[in-house]
C-alpha atoms as a PDB file:
ATOM      1  CA  UNK A   1       7.277  -2.314 -26.316  1.00  0.00           C
ATOM      2  CA  UNK A   2       5.501  -4.403 -24.420  1.00  0.00           C
ATOM      3  CA  UNK A   3       2.004  -4.368 -22.692  1.00  0.00           C
ATOM      4  CA  UNK A   4       3.305  -4.034 -19.108  1.00  0.00           C
ATOM      5  CA  UNK A   5       5.808  -0.855 -20.752  1.00  0.00           C
ATOM      6  CA  UNK A   6       3.062   0.661 -22.371  1.00  0.00           C
ATOM      7  CA  UNK A   7       0.801   0.472 -19.550  1.00  0.00           C
ATOM      8  CA  UNK A   8       3.347   1.945 -17.064  1.00  0.00           C
ATOM      9  CA  UNK A   9       3.601   4.778 -19.015  1.00  0.00           C
ATOM     10  CA  UNK A  10       0.251   5.720 -18.523  1.00  0.00           C
ATOM     11  CA  UNK A  11      -1.797   5.085 -22.032  1.00  0.00           C
ATOM     12  CA  UNK A  12      -4.633   3.343 -19.952  1.00  0.00           C
ATOM     13  CA  UNK A  13      -6.902   5.938 -19.128  1.00  0.00           C
ATOM     14  CA  UNK A  14      -7.826   6.734 -22.935  1.00  0.00           C
ATOM     15  CA  UNK A  15      -8.782   3.225 -23.082  1.00  0.00           C
ATOM     16  CA  UNK A  16     -11.619   3.573 -20.371  1.00  0.00           C
ATOM     17  CA  UNK A  17     -14.108   5.072 -23.196  1.00  0.00           C
ATOM     18  CA  UNK A  18     -13.562   2.681 -26.015  1.00  0.00           C
ATOM     19  CA  UNK A  19     -16.592   0.502 -26.136  1.00  0.00           C
ATOM     20  CA  UNK A  20     -16.713  -3.442 -26.125  1.00  0.00           C
ATOM     21  CA  UNK A  21     -18.016  -3.723 -29.656  1.00  0.00           C
ATOM     22  CA  UNK A  22     -15.346  -1.463 -30.830  1.00  0.00           C
ATOM     23  CA  UNK A  23     -12.718  -3.804 -29.681  1.00  0.00           C
ATOM     24  CA  UNK A  24     -10.884  -5.486 -32.778  1.00  0.00           C
ATOM     25  CA  UNK A  25     -10.251  -9.111 -32.183  1.00  0.00           C
ATOM     26  CA  UNK A  26      -9.023 -11.047 -35.315  1.00  0.00           C
ATOM     27  CA  UNK A  27      -9.016 -14.349 -33.558  1.00  0.00           C
ATOM     28  CA  UNK A  28     -13.039 -14.952 -34.045  1.00  0.00           C
ATOM     29  CA  UNK A  29     -12.488 -16.890 -37.034  1.00  0.00           C
ATOM     30  CA  UNK A  30     -10.658 -19.751 -34.770  1.00  0.00           C
ATOM     31  CA  UNK A  31     -11.316 -21.688 -32.332  1.00  0.00           C
ATOM     32  CA  UNK A  32     -10.575 -19.648 -28.694  1.00  0.00           C
ATOM     33  CA  UNK A  33      -7.306 -20.512 -26.645  1.00  0.00           C
ATOM     34  CA  UNK A  34      -7.737 -22.787 -23.721  1.00  0.00           C
ATOM     35  CA  UNK A  35      -6.686 -20.613 -21.133  1.00  0.00           C
ATOM     36  CA  UNK A  36      -6.227 -22.630 -17.261  1.00  0.00           C
ATOM     37  CA  UNK A  37      -5.234 -20.257 -14.509  1.00  0.00           C
ATOM     38  CA  UNK A  38      -4.851 -21.385 -11.088  1.00  0.00           C
ATOM     39  CA  UNK A  39      -6.629 -18.556  -8.639  1.00  0.00           C
ATOM     40  CA  UNK A  40      -9.788 -16.573  -9.638  1.00  0.00           C
ATOM     41  CA  UNK A  41      -8.254 -13.607  -9.645  1.00  0.00           C
ATOM     42  CA  UNK A  42      -6.112 -13.956 -13.026  1.00  0.00           C
ATOM     43  CA  UNK A  43      -8.665 -16.095 -14.220  1.00  0.00           C
ATOM     44  CA  UNK A  44     -10.867 -13.111 -14.312  1.00  0.00           C
ATOM     45  CA  UNK A  45      -8.182 -11.053 -15.856  1.00  0.00           C
ATOM     46  CA  UNK A  46      -7.559 -13.503 -18.828  1.00  0.00           C
ATOM     47  CA  UNK A  47     -11.043 -13.846 -19.503  1.00  0.00           C
ATOM     48  CA  UNK A  48     -11.377 -10.241 -19.022  1.00  0.00           C
ATOM     49  CA  UNK A  49      -8.258  -9.247 -21.206  1.00  0.00           C
ATOM     50  CA  UNK A  50      -9.318 -11.961 -23.703  1.00  0.00           C
ATOM     51  CA  UNK A  51     -12.334 -11.430 -24.658  1.00  0.00           C
ATOM     52  CA  UNK A  52     -13.841 -14.049 -27.305  1.00  0.00           C
ATOM     53  CA  UNK A  53     -10.529 -14.681 -27.915  1.00  0.00           C
ATOM     54  CA  UNK A  54     -10.165 -17.123 -25.060  1.00  0.00           C
ATOM     55  CA  UNK A  55     -11.942 -19.739 -23.193  1.00  0.00           C
ATOM     56  CA  UNK A  56     -10.388 -19.309 -19.615  1.00  0.00           C
ATOM     57  CA  UNK A  57     -11.381 -21.421 -16.479  1.00  0.00           C
ATOM     58  CA  UNK A  58      -9.579 -21.734 -13.036  1.00  0.00           C
ATOM     59  CA  UNK A  59      -8.265 -24.357 -10.886  1.00  0.00           C
ATOM     60  CA  UNK A  60      -9.633 -23.135  -7.531  1.00  0.00           C
ATOM     61  CA  UNK A  61     -12.980 -21.555  -6.979  1.00  0.00           C
ATOM     62  CA  UNK A  62     -14.527 -19.249  -4.187  1.00  0.00           C
ATOM     63  CA  UNK A  63     -13.293 -19.983  -0.480  1.00  0.00           C
ATOM     64  CA  UNK A  64     -10.462 -22.297  -1.538  1.00  0.00           C
ATOM     65  CA  UNK A  65      -7.108 -21.583   0.084  1.00  0.00           C
ATOM     66  CA  UNK A  66      -4.414 -21.630  -2.548  1.00  0.00           C
ATOM     67  CA  UNK A  67      -1.939 -22.431   0.100  1.00  0.00           C
ATOM     68  CA  UNK A  68      -2.226 -25.651   0.605  1.00  0.00           C
ATOM     69  CA  UNK A  69      -4.178 -26.600  -2.574  1.00  0.00           C
ATOM     70  CA  UNK A  70      -2.869 -29.874  -4.155  1.00  0.00           C
ATOM     71  CA  UNK A  71      -3.953 -30.413  -7.985  1.00  0.00           C
ATOM     72  CA  UNK A  72      -6.609 -32.775  -8.787  1.00  0.00           C
ATOM     73  CA  UNK A  73      -6.669 -35.676 -11.119  1.00  0.00           C
ATOM     74  CA  UNK A  74      -9.194 -33.576 -12.876  1.00  0.00           C
ATOM     75  CA  UNK A  75      -6.954 -30.538 -12.624  1.00  0.00           C
ATOM     76  CA  UNK A  76      -3.914 -32.648 -14.045  1.00  0.00           C
ATOM     77  CA  UNK A  77      -6.633 -33.415 -17.123  1.00  0.00           C
ATOM     78  CA  UNK A  78      -7.667 -29.778 -17.558  1.00  0.00           C
ATOM     79  CA  UNK A  79      -4.691 -28.688 -17.631  1.00  0.00           C
ATOM     80  CA  UNK A  80      -2.913 -30.889 -20.079  1.00  0.00           C
ATOM     81  CA  UNK A  81      -5.445 -30.145 -22.578  1.00  0.00           C
ATOM     82  CA  UNK A  82      -4.823 -26.220 -21.850  1.00  0.00           C
ATOM     83  CA  UNK A  83      -2.930 -24.032 -24.742  1.00  0.00           C
ATOM     84  CA  UNK A  84      -1.896 -21.797 -22.016  1.00  0.00           C
ATOM     85  CA  UNK A  85      -1.742 -21.808 -18.115  1.00  0.00           C
ATOM     86  CA  UNK A  86      -1.332 -18.784 -16.148  1.00  0.00           C
ATOM     87  CA  UNK A  87      -0.435 -19.374 -12.261  1.00  0.00           C
ATOM     88  CA  UNK A  88       0.671 -17.048  -9.643  1.00  0.00           C
ATOM     89  CA  UNK A  89       4.138 -17.698  -8.107  1.00  0.00           C
ATOM     90  CA  UNK A  90       5.654 -15.900  -5.746  1.00  0.00           C
ATOM     91  CA  UNK A  91       5.484 -19.490  -4.188  1.00  0.00           C
ATOM     92  CA  UNK A  92       1.684 -18.837  -3.391  1.00  0.00           C
ATOM     93  CA  UNK A  93       0.477 -22.058  -4.703  1.00  0.00           C
ATOM     94  CA  UNK A  94       3.576 -23.844  -3.007  1.00  0.00           C
ATOM     95  CA  UNK A  95       2.196 -27.575  -3.111  1.00  0.00           C
ATOM     96  CA  UNK A  96       2.214 -27.389  -6.743  1.00  0.00           C
ATOM     97  CA  UNK A  97       4.972 -25.925  -7.895  1.00  0.00           C
ATOM     98  CA  UNK A  98       6.812 -29.797  -9.195  1.00  0.00           C
ATOM     99  CA  UNK A  99       3.303 -29.951 -11.151  1.00  0.00           C
ATOM    100  CA  UNK A 100       4.257 -26.674 -12.747  1.00  0.00           C
ATOM    101  CA  UNK A 101       7.310 -27.295 -13.643  1.00  0.00           C
ATOM    102  CA  UNK A 102       6.377 -30.205 -15.449  1.00  0.00           C
ATOM    103  CA  UNK A 103       3.421 -28.870 -17.010  1.00  0.00           C
ATOM    104  CA  UNK A 104       6.027 -26.129 -18.289  1.00  0.00           C
ATOM    105  CA  UNK A 105       8.258 -28.443 -20.204  1.00  0.00           C
ATOM    106  CA  UNK A 106       5.202 -29.326 -23.136  1.00  0.00           C
ATOM    107  CA  UNK A 107       2.668 -26.052 -22.069  1.00  0.00           C
ATOM    108  CA  UNK A 108       3.020 -22.604 -22.443  1.00  0.00           C
ATOM    109  CA  UNK A 109       2.900 -21.385 -19.070  1.00  0.00           C
ATOM    110  CA  UNK A 110       3.830 -18.074 -17.255  1.00  0.00           C
ATOM    111  CA  UNK A 111       3.864 -16.570 -13.631  1.00  0.00           C
ATOM    112  CA  UNK A 112       2.291 -13.869 -13.919  1.00  0.00           C
ATOM    113  CA  UNK A 113       2.917 -12.424 -10.474  1.00  0.00           C
ATOM    114  CA  UNK A 114       6.510 -12.553 -11.169  1.00  0.00           C
ATOM    115  CA  UNK A 115       6.052  -9.903 -13.579  1.00  0.00           C
ATOM    116  CA  UNK A 116       6.517  -7.466 -10.663  1.00  0.00           C
ATOM    117  CA  UNK A 117       9.899  -5.896 -10.043  1.00  0.00           C
ATOM    118  CA  UNK A 118      11.370  -7.107  -6.979  1.00  0.00           C
ATOM    119  CA  UNK A 119      11.948  -3.824  -5.281  1.00  0.00           C
ATOM    120  CA  UNK A 120       8.306  -3.326  -5.618  1.00  0.00           C
ATOM    121  CA  UNK A 121       7.651  -6.685  -3.087  1.00  0.00           C
ATOM    122  CA  UNK A 122       7.404  -6.811   0.222  1.00  0.00           C
ATOM    123  CA  UNK A 123      10.003  -9.824   1.883  1.00  0.00           C
ATOM    124  CA  UNK A 124       8.192 -13.042   3.220  1.00  0.00           C
ATOM    125  CA  UNK A 125       8.210 -12.962   7.218  1.00  0.00           C
ATOM    126  CA  UNK A 126       9.799 -16.845   6.744  1.00  0.00           C
ATOM    127  CA  UNK A 127      11.471 -17.446   3.805  1.00  0.00           C
ATOM    128  CA  UNK A 128      14.456 -14.996   3.012  1.00  0.00           C
ATOM    129  CA  UNK A 129      14.839 -15.885  -0.600  1.00  0.00           C
ATOM    130  CA  UNK A 130      10.963 -15.349  -1.020  1.00  0.00           C
ATOM    131  CA  UNK A 131       8.599 -12.723  -1.298  1.00  0.00           C
ATOM    132  CA  UNK A 132       4.706 -12.329  -0.208  1.00  0.00           C
ATOM    133  CA  UNK A 133       2.796 -13.189  -2.750  1.00  0.00           C
ATOM    134  CA  UNK A 134      -0.496 -11.533  -2.140  1.00  0.00           C
ATOM    135  CA  UNK A 135       0.078  -8.943  -4.719  1.00  0.00           C
ATOM    136  CA  UNK A 136      -3.354  -8.990  -5.981  1.00  0.00           C
ATOM    137  CA  UNK A 137      -4.770  -7.202  -2.693  1.00  0.00           C
ATOM    138  CA  UNK A 138      -3.004  -3.451  -3.727  1.00  0.00           C
ATOM    139  CA  UNK A 139      -4.847  -2.045  -7.126  1.00  0.00           C
ATOM    140  CA  UNK A 140      -2.104  -0.444  -8.079  1.00  0.00           C
ATOM    141  CA  UNK A 141       0.392  -3.132  -8.296  1.00  0.00           C
ATOM    142  CA  UNK A 142      -1.772  -5.416  -9.859  1.00  0.00           C
ATOM    143  CA  UNK A 143      -1.939  -3.579 -12.745  1.00  0.00           C
ATOM    144  CA  UNK A 144       1.589  -5.413 -13.154  1.00  0.00           C
ATOM    145  CA  UNK A 145      -0.149  -8.766 -13.363  1.00  0.00           C
ATOM    146  CA  UNK A 146      -2.845  -7.885 -15.792  1.00  0.00           C
ATOM    147  CA  UNK A 147      -0.621  -6.689 -18.277  1.00  0.00           C
ATOM    148  CA  UNK A 148       1.141 -10.007 -18.009  1.00  0.00           C
ATOM    149  CA  UNK A 149      -1.560 -11.733 -18.318  1.00  0.00           C
ATOM    150  CA  UNK A 150      -2.720  -9.827 -21.770  1.00  0.00           C
ATOM    151  CA  UNK A 151       1.095 -10.564 -23.132  1.00  0.00           C
ATOM    152  CA  UNK A 152       0.931 -14.087 -22.827  1.00  0.00           C
ATOM    153  CA  UNK A 153      -2.531 -14.408 -24.249  1.00  0.00           C
ATOM    154  CA  UNK A 154      -1.221 -11.853 -27.509  1.00  0.00           C
ATOM    155  CA  UNK A 155       2.144 -13.674 -27.670  1.00  0.00           C
ATOM    156  CA  UNK A 156      -0.221 -17.215 -28.111  1.00  0.00           C
ATOM    157  CA  UNK A 157      -2.695 -15.343 -30.235  1.00  0.00           C
ATOM    158  CA  UNK A 158      -1.032 -12.699 -32.084  1.00  0.00           C
ATOM    159  CA  UNK A 159      -3.794 -11.888 -34.382  1.00  0.00           C
ATOM    160  CA  UNK A 160      -5.892 -10.968 -31.285  1.00  0.00           C
ATOM    161  CA  UNK A 161      -3.321  -8.875 -29.660  1.00  0.00           C
ATOM    162  CA  UNK A 162      -4.460  -5.468 -30.629  1.00  0.00           C
ATOM    163  CA  UNK A 163      -8.096  -6.441 -28.899  1.00  0.00           C
ATOM    164  CA  UNK A 164      -6.604  -7.893 -26.108  1.00  0.00           C
ATOM    165  CA  UNK A 165      -4.390  -4.865 -25.595  1.00  0.00           C
ATOM    166  CA  UNK A 166      -7.355  -2.524 -25.998  1.00  0.00           C
ATOM    167  CA  UNK A 167      -9.384  -4.318 -22.987  1.00  0.00           C
ATOM    168  CA  UNK A 168      -6.403  -5.017 -20.672  1.00  0.00           C
ATOM    169  CA  UNK A 169      -5.971  -0.828 -20.866  1.00  0.00           C
ATOM    170  CA  UNK A 170      -9.393  -0.626 -20.092  1.00  0.00           C
ATOM    171  CA  UNK A 171      -9.387  -3.244 -17.389  1.00  0.00           C
ATOM    172  CA  UNK A 172      -6.088  -1.186 -15.811  1.00  0.00           C
ATOM    173  CA  UNK A 173      -7.864   1.962 -15.803  1.00  0.00           C
ATOM    174  CA  UNK A 174     -10.516   0.517 -13.868  1.00  0.00           C
ATOM    175  CA  UNK A 175      -7.885  -1.090 -11.615  1.00  0.00           C
ATOM    176  CA  UNK A 176      -6.642   2.579 -11.146  1.00  0.00           C
ATOM    177  CA  UNK A 177      -9.835   4.021 -10.340  1.00  0.00           C
ATOM    178  CA  UNK A 178     -10.322   1.427  -7.625  1.00  0.00           C
ATOM    179  CA  UNK A 179      -7.174   2.389  -6.277  1.00  0.00           C
ATOM    180  CA  UNK A 180      -8.291   5.975  -6.088  1.00  0.00           C
ATOM    181  CA  UNK A 181     -11.215   4.945  -4.441  1.00  0.00           C
ATOM    182  CA  UNK A 182      -9.306   3.069  -2.202  1.00  0.00           C
ATOM    183  CA  UNK A 183      -7.549   5.698  -1.369  1.00  0.00           C
ATOM    184  CA  UNK A 184     -10.158   8.369  -0.890  1.00  0.00           C
ATOM    185  CA  UNK A 185     -12.596   5.964   1.513  1.00  0.00           C
ATOM    186  CA  UNK A 186      -9.530   4.540   3.639  1.00  0.00           C
ATOM    187  CA  UNK A 187      -8.138   8.229   4.408  1.00  0.00           C
ATOM    188  CA  UNK A 188     -11.462   8.931   6.608  1.00  0.00           C
ATOM    189  CA  UNK A 189     -10.788   6.045   8.808  1.00  0.00           C
ATOM    190  CA  UNK A 190      -9.745   7.962  11.989  1.00  0.00           C
ATOM    191  CA  UNK A 191      -6.106   7.422  13.057  1.00  0.00           C
ATOM    192  CA  UNK A 192      -6.912   5.465  16.038  1.00  0.00           C
ATOM    193  CA  UNK A 193      -8.886   3.442  14.305  1.00  0.00           C
ATOM    194  CA  UNK A 194      -6.337   2.487  11.518  1.00  0.00           C
ATOM    195  CA  UNK A 195      -5.598  -0.855  12.373  1.00  0.00           C
ATOM    196  CA  UNK A 196      -6.874  -3.839  10.365  1.00  0.00           C
ATOM    197  CA  UNK A 197      -6.969  -7.557  12.283  1.00  0.00           C
ATOM    198  CA  UNK A 198      -7.472 -10.456   9.927  1.00  0.00           C
ATOM    199  CA  UNK A 199      -7.433 -14.369   9.801  1.00  0.00           C
ATOM    200  CA  UNK A 200      -3.876 -14.476   7.940  1.00  0.00           C
ATOM    201  CA  UNK A 201      -1.283 -12.098   7.207  1.00  0.00           C
ATOM    202  CA  UNK A 202      -2.671 -11.555   3.464  1.00  0.00           C
ATOM    203  CA  UNK A 203      -3.262  -7.489   3.570  1.00  0.00           C
ATOM    204  CA  UNK A 204       0.547  -6.237   3.941  1.00  0.00           C
ATOM    205  CA  UNK A 205       0.410  -4.897   0.582  1.00  0.00           C
ATOM    206  CA  UNK A 206      -3.284  -3.606   1.013  1.00  0.00           C
ATOM    207  CA  UNK A 207      -1.374  -1.593   4.416  1.00  0.00           C
ATOM    208  CA  UNK A 208       0.757  -0.178   2.734  1.00  0.00           C
ATOM    209  CA  UNK A 209      -1.193   0.961  -0.226  1.00  0.00           C
ATOM    210  CA  UNK A 210      -3.512   2.830   2.300  1.00  0.00           C
ATOM    211  CA  UNK A 211      -1.515   3.752   5.349  1.00  0.00           C
ATOM    212  CA  UNK A 212      -3.234   0.690   7.393  1.00  0.00           C
ATOM    213  CA  UNK A 213      -1.666  -0.922  10.493  1.00  0.00           C
ATOM    214  CA  UNK A 214      -1.833  -4.978   9.574  1.00  0.00           C
ATOM    215  CA  UNK A 215      -2.266  -7.835  12.129  1.00  0.00           C
ATOM    216  CA  UNK A 216      -2.676 -11.391  11.161  1.00  0.00           C
ATOM    217  CA  UNK A 217      -3.252 -13.962  13.262  1.00  0.00           C
ATOM    218  CA  UNK A 218      -1.371 -16.412  11.295  1.00  0.00           C
ATOM    219  CA  UNK A 219       1.633 -15.797   8.813  1.00  0.00           C
ATOM    220  CA  UNK A 220       1.495 -15.100   5.204  1.00  0.00           C
ATOM    221  CA  UNK A 221       0.894 -18.552   4.261  1.00  0.00           C
ATOM    222  CA  UNK A 222      -2.297 -20.809   6.140  1.00  0.00           C
ATOM    223  CA  UNK A 223       0.159 -23.267   6.409  1.00  0.00           C
ATOM    224  CA  UNK A 224       1.479 -21.479   9.365  1.00  0.00           C
ATOM    225  CA  UNK A 225       0.158 -22.514  12.779  1.00  0.00           C
ATOM    226  CA  UNK A 226      -1.156 -19.223  15.250  1.00  0.00           C
ATOM    227  CA  UNK A 227       0.673 -20.057  18.847  1.00  0.00           C
ATOM    228  CA  UNK A 228      -1.513 -19.257  21.634  1.00  0.00           C
ATOM    229  CA  UNK A 229       1.306 -16.318  22.389  1.00  0.00           C
ATOM    230  CA  UNK A 230       0.492 -14.477  19.233  1.00  0.00           C
ATOM    231  CA  UNK A 231      -3.540 -14.751  20.026  1.00  0.00           C
ATOM    232  CA  UNK A 232      -2.447 -13.744  23.365  1.00  0.00           C
ATOM    233  CA  UNK A 233      -0.193 -10.404  21.750  1.00  0.00           C
ATOM    234  CA  UNK A 234      -3.201  -9.636  19.764  1.00  0.00           C
ATOM    235  CA  UNK A 235      -6.026 -10.158  22.509  1.00  0.00           C
ATOM    236  CA  UNK A 236      -3.365  -7.341  24.569  1.00  0.00           C
ATOM    237  CA  UNK A 237      -3.486  -4.780  21.047  1.00  0.00           C
ATOM    238  CA  UNK A 238      -6.852  -5.030  21.071  1.00  0.00           C
ATOM    239  CA  UNK A 239      -7.879  -4.184  24.290  1.00  0.00           C
ATOM    240  CA  UNK A 240      -4.851  -1.548  25.255  1.00  0.00           C
ATOM    241  CA  UNK A 241      -5.545   0.165  21.841  1.00  0.00           C
ATOM    242  CA  UNK A 242      -9.962   0.004  22.583  1.00  0.00           C
ATOM    243  CA  UNK A 243      -9.829  -1.766  18.920  1.00  0.00           C
ATOM    244  CA  UNK A 244     -13.587  -2.579  18.162  1.00  0.00           C
ATOM    245  CA  UNK A 245     -13.894  -4.633  15.183  1.00  0.00           C
ATOM    246  CA  UNK A 246     -11.821  -7.471  13.512  1.00  0.00           C
ATOM    247  CA  UNK A 247     -12.692  -9.378  10.518  1.00  0.00           C
ATOM    248  CA  UNK A 248     -12.489 -12.877   9.149  1.00  0.00           C
ATOM    249  CA  UNK A 249     -11.661 -14.188   5.195  1.00  0.00           C
ATOM    250  CA  UNK A 250     -13.695 -16.180   2.803  1.00  0.00           C
ATOM    251  CA  UNK A 251     -10.509 -18.849   2.519  1.00  0.00           C
ATOM    252  CA  UNK A 252      -9.514 -19.588   6.302  1.00  0.00           C
ATOM    253  CA  UNK A 253     -11.383 -20.472   9.360  1.00  0.00           C
ATOM    254  CA  UNK A 254     -13.233 -18.150  11.733  1.00  0.00           C
ATOM    255  CA  UNK A 255     -11.843 -20.369  14.978  1.00  0.00           C
ATOM    256  CA  UNK A 256      -8.765 -17.982  16.012  1.00  0.00           C
ATOM    257  CA  UNK A 257     -10.786 -14.680  15.094  1.00  0.00           C
ATOM    258  CA  UNK A 258     -13.682 -16.093  17.616  1.00  0.00           C
ATOM    259  CA  UNK A 259     -10.744 -16.629  19.991  1.00  0.00           C
ATOM    260  CA  UNK A 260      -9.638 -13.000  20.098  1.00  0.00           C
ATOM    261  CA  UNK A 261     -12.966 -12.022  20.507  1.00  0.00           C
ATOM    262  CA  UNK A 262     -13.464 -14.421  23.175  1.00  0.00           C
ATOM    263  CA  UNK A 263     -10.292 -13.115  25.042  1.00  0.00           C
ATOM    264  CA  UNK A 264     -11.354  -9.663  24.529  1.00  0.00           C
ATOM    265  CA  UNK A 265     -14.265 -10.089  26.168  1.00  0.00           C
ATOM    266  CA  UNK A 266     -13.088 -12.106  28.983  1.00  0.00           C
ATOM    267  CA  UNK A 267     -11.124  -8.265  29.893  1.00  0.00           C
ATOM    268  CA  UNK A 268     -14.239  -6.424  29.723  1.00  0.00           C
ATOM    269  CA  UNK A 269     -13.939  -5.448  26.262  1.00  0.00           C
ATOM    270  CA  UNK A 270     -16.235  -6.224  23.082  1.00  0.00           C
ATOM    271  CA  UNK A 271     -14.853  -6.606  20.062  1.00  0.00           C
ATOM    272  CA  UNK A 272     -17.162  -7.761  16.912  1.00  0.00           C
ATOM    273  CA  UNK A 273     -16.691  -9.165  13.434  1.00  0.00           C
ATOM    274  CA  UNK A 274     -16.559  -6.021  10.933  1.00  0.00           C
ATOM    275  CA  UNK A 275     -17.460  -8.726   8.076  1.00  0.00           C
ATOM    276  CA  UNK A 276     -16.272 -11.125   6.281  1.00  0.00           C
ATOM    277  CA  UNK A 277     -12.932 -10.392   3.650  1.00  0.00           C
ATOM    278  CA  UNK A 278     -11.601 -11.803   0.252  1.00  0.00           C
ATOM    279  CA  UNK A 279      -8.242 -12.688   0.650  1.00  0.00           C
ATOM    280  CA  UNK A 280      -6.877 -15.351  -1.282  1.00  0.00           C
ATOM    281  CA  UNK A 281      -9.983 -16.164  -3.764  1.00  0.00           C
ATOM    282  CA  UNK A 282     -13.173 -14.086  -5.391  1.00  0.00           C
ATOM    283  CA  UNK A 283     -16.860 -14.082  -3.849  1.00  0.00           C
ATOM    284  CA  UNK A 284     -19.371 -16.409  -5.417  1.00  0.00           C
ATOM    285  CA  UNK A 285     -18.761 -17.200  -9.650  1.00  0.00           C
ATOM    286  CA  UNK A 286     -21.519 -14.733 -11.169  1.00  0.00           C
ATOM    287  CA  UNK A 287     -21.872 -11.918  -8.716  1.00  0.00           C
ATOM    288  CA  UNK A 288     -19.911  -8.670  -8.488  1.00  0.00           C
ATOM    289  CA  UNK A 289     -18.138  -9.993  -6.010  1.00  0.00           C
ATOM    290  CA  UNK A 290     -17.139 -12.959  -7.984  1.00  0.00           C
ATOM    291  CA  UNK A 291     -14.595 -10.705 -10.006  1.00  0.00           C
ATOM    292  CA  UNK A 292     -11.295  -9.225  -9.079  1.00  0.00           C
ATOM    293  CA  UNK A 293     -12.492  -5.358  -9.085  1.00  0.00           C
ATOM    294  CA  UNK A 294     -15.799  -6.807  -7.020  1.00  0.00           C
ATOM    295  CA  UNK A 295     -13.743  -8.605  -4.191  1.00  0.00           C
ATOM    296  CA  UNK A 296     -11.187  -5.874  -3.592  1.00  0.00           C
ATOM    297  CA  UNK A 297     -14.351  -2.875  -3.528  1.00  0.00           C
ATOM    298  CA  UNK A 298     -15.987  -5.174  -1.353  1.00  0.00           C
ATOM    299  CA  UNK A 299     -12.986  -5.249   1.136  1.00  0.00           C
ATOM    300  CA  UNK A 300     -12.328  -1.477   1.470  1.00  0.00           C
ATOM    301  CA  UNK A 301     -15.843  -0.633   1.634  1.00  0.00           C
ATOM    302  CA  UNK A 302     -16.279  -3.543   4.450  1.00  0.00           C
ATOM    303  CA  UNK A 303     -12.937  -1.986   5.841  1.00  0.00           C
ATOM    304  CA  UNK A 304     -13.340   1.295   5.711  1.00  0.00           C
ATOM    305  CA  UNK A 305     -17.561   1.337   7.595  1.00  0.00           C
ATOM    306  CA  UNK A 306     -16.565  -1.221  10.167  1.00  0.00           C
ATOM    307  CA  UNK A 307     -13.677   1.025  11.622  1.00  0.00           C
ATOM    308  CA  UNK A 308     -15.418   4.334  11.634  1.00  0.00           C
ATOM    309  CA  UNK A 309     -14.614   5.898   8.111  1.00  0.00           C
ATOM    310  CA  UNK A 310     -17.080   6.871   5.338  1.00  0.00           C
ATOM    311  CA  UNK A 311     -17.989   4.401   2.411  1.00  0.00           C
ATOM    312  CA  UNK A 312     -20.960   4.111   0.320  1.00  0.00           C
ATOM    313  CA  UNK A 313     -22.926   1.044   1.318  1.00  0.00           C
ATOM    314  CA  UNK A 314     -23.102  -0.262  -1.945  1.00  0.00           C
ATOM    315  CA  UNK A 315     -19.403   0.242  -2.995  1.00  0.00           C
ATOM    316  CA  UNK A 316     -17.328   2.464  -5.636  1.00  0.00           C
ATOM    317  CA  UNK A 317     -19.922   1.675  -8.141  1.00  0.00           C
ATOM    318  CA  UNK A 318     -22.866   0.711  -5.940  1.00  0.00           C
ATOM    319  CA  UNK A 319     -23.125  -3.067  -6.931  1.00  0.00           C
ATOM    320  CA  UNK A 320     -21.995  -4.653  -3.705  1.00  0.00           C
ATOM    321  CA  UNK A 321     -24.726  -7.121  -2.229  1.00  0.00           C
END
């Protein structure tokens, strides 16, 4: 039975208490598996579940937009040296599809986002045969790609599989705890304020998970253009429903969000920036927000507090900066 199936049968919780030092890792006698991930969220999962059995790095750092990202010369060299390539799929890295096809002919490549069954995905707003790729925004859903990462690493390093599985189950248990925190604090937002307005439509899975209405200025891809009509419609929404806060994103220009604020002000309604959210990239390397758990904790806490809910300033673990 694969790690994904074992995890979805509920075996993760018992592993949370397993000390890191106790996790077996038979791969220590050989060089770590060289793993290249596209996004920081996947790279974080690879480093966490792989432990000393892997050497993981990501092509896309803080503030980088995966929708428009194109492989650089150094990326081509790095990926060419990797023993395992982990990509998101679901057409997130749209400009790199041909590159992935070429790489997959000579290096094991796993599209971890596509481990999620189609019936659990949201349809893409533009392409009838594709899905919204922003699945990492919902902790309850992201556990499946975490398990896919672990399966790929274990397949490449069978002697390390036991340790990889234990670390993955502990990580998934943390994702479950984060999901429970999200449900708890988002439920404290008053019903008339449960509207999330952001720079682009990256929060649909988040909204589905926590009962929020989500409005993005741009579409699912940041490559889509925000027309004047869309901005005008959102200004109407802000004014008519007396929404007092909107959110910028770390990987998207704030130009359109500021246009919304100015438009609402011209009609006598004050709107403030409720905070900066992490959508397509994590925070700065070496910080809590520079991990997947930290970026989602930050988003949940920031949104809840800005929209009138009750959430601790330091987030679930008191670690937010």
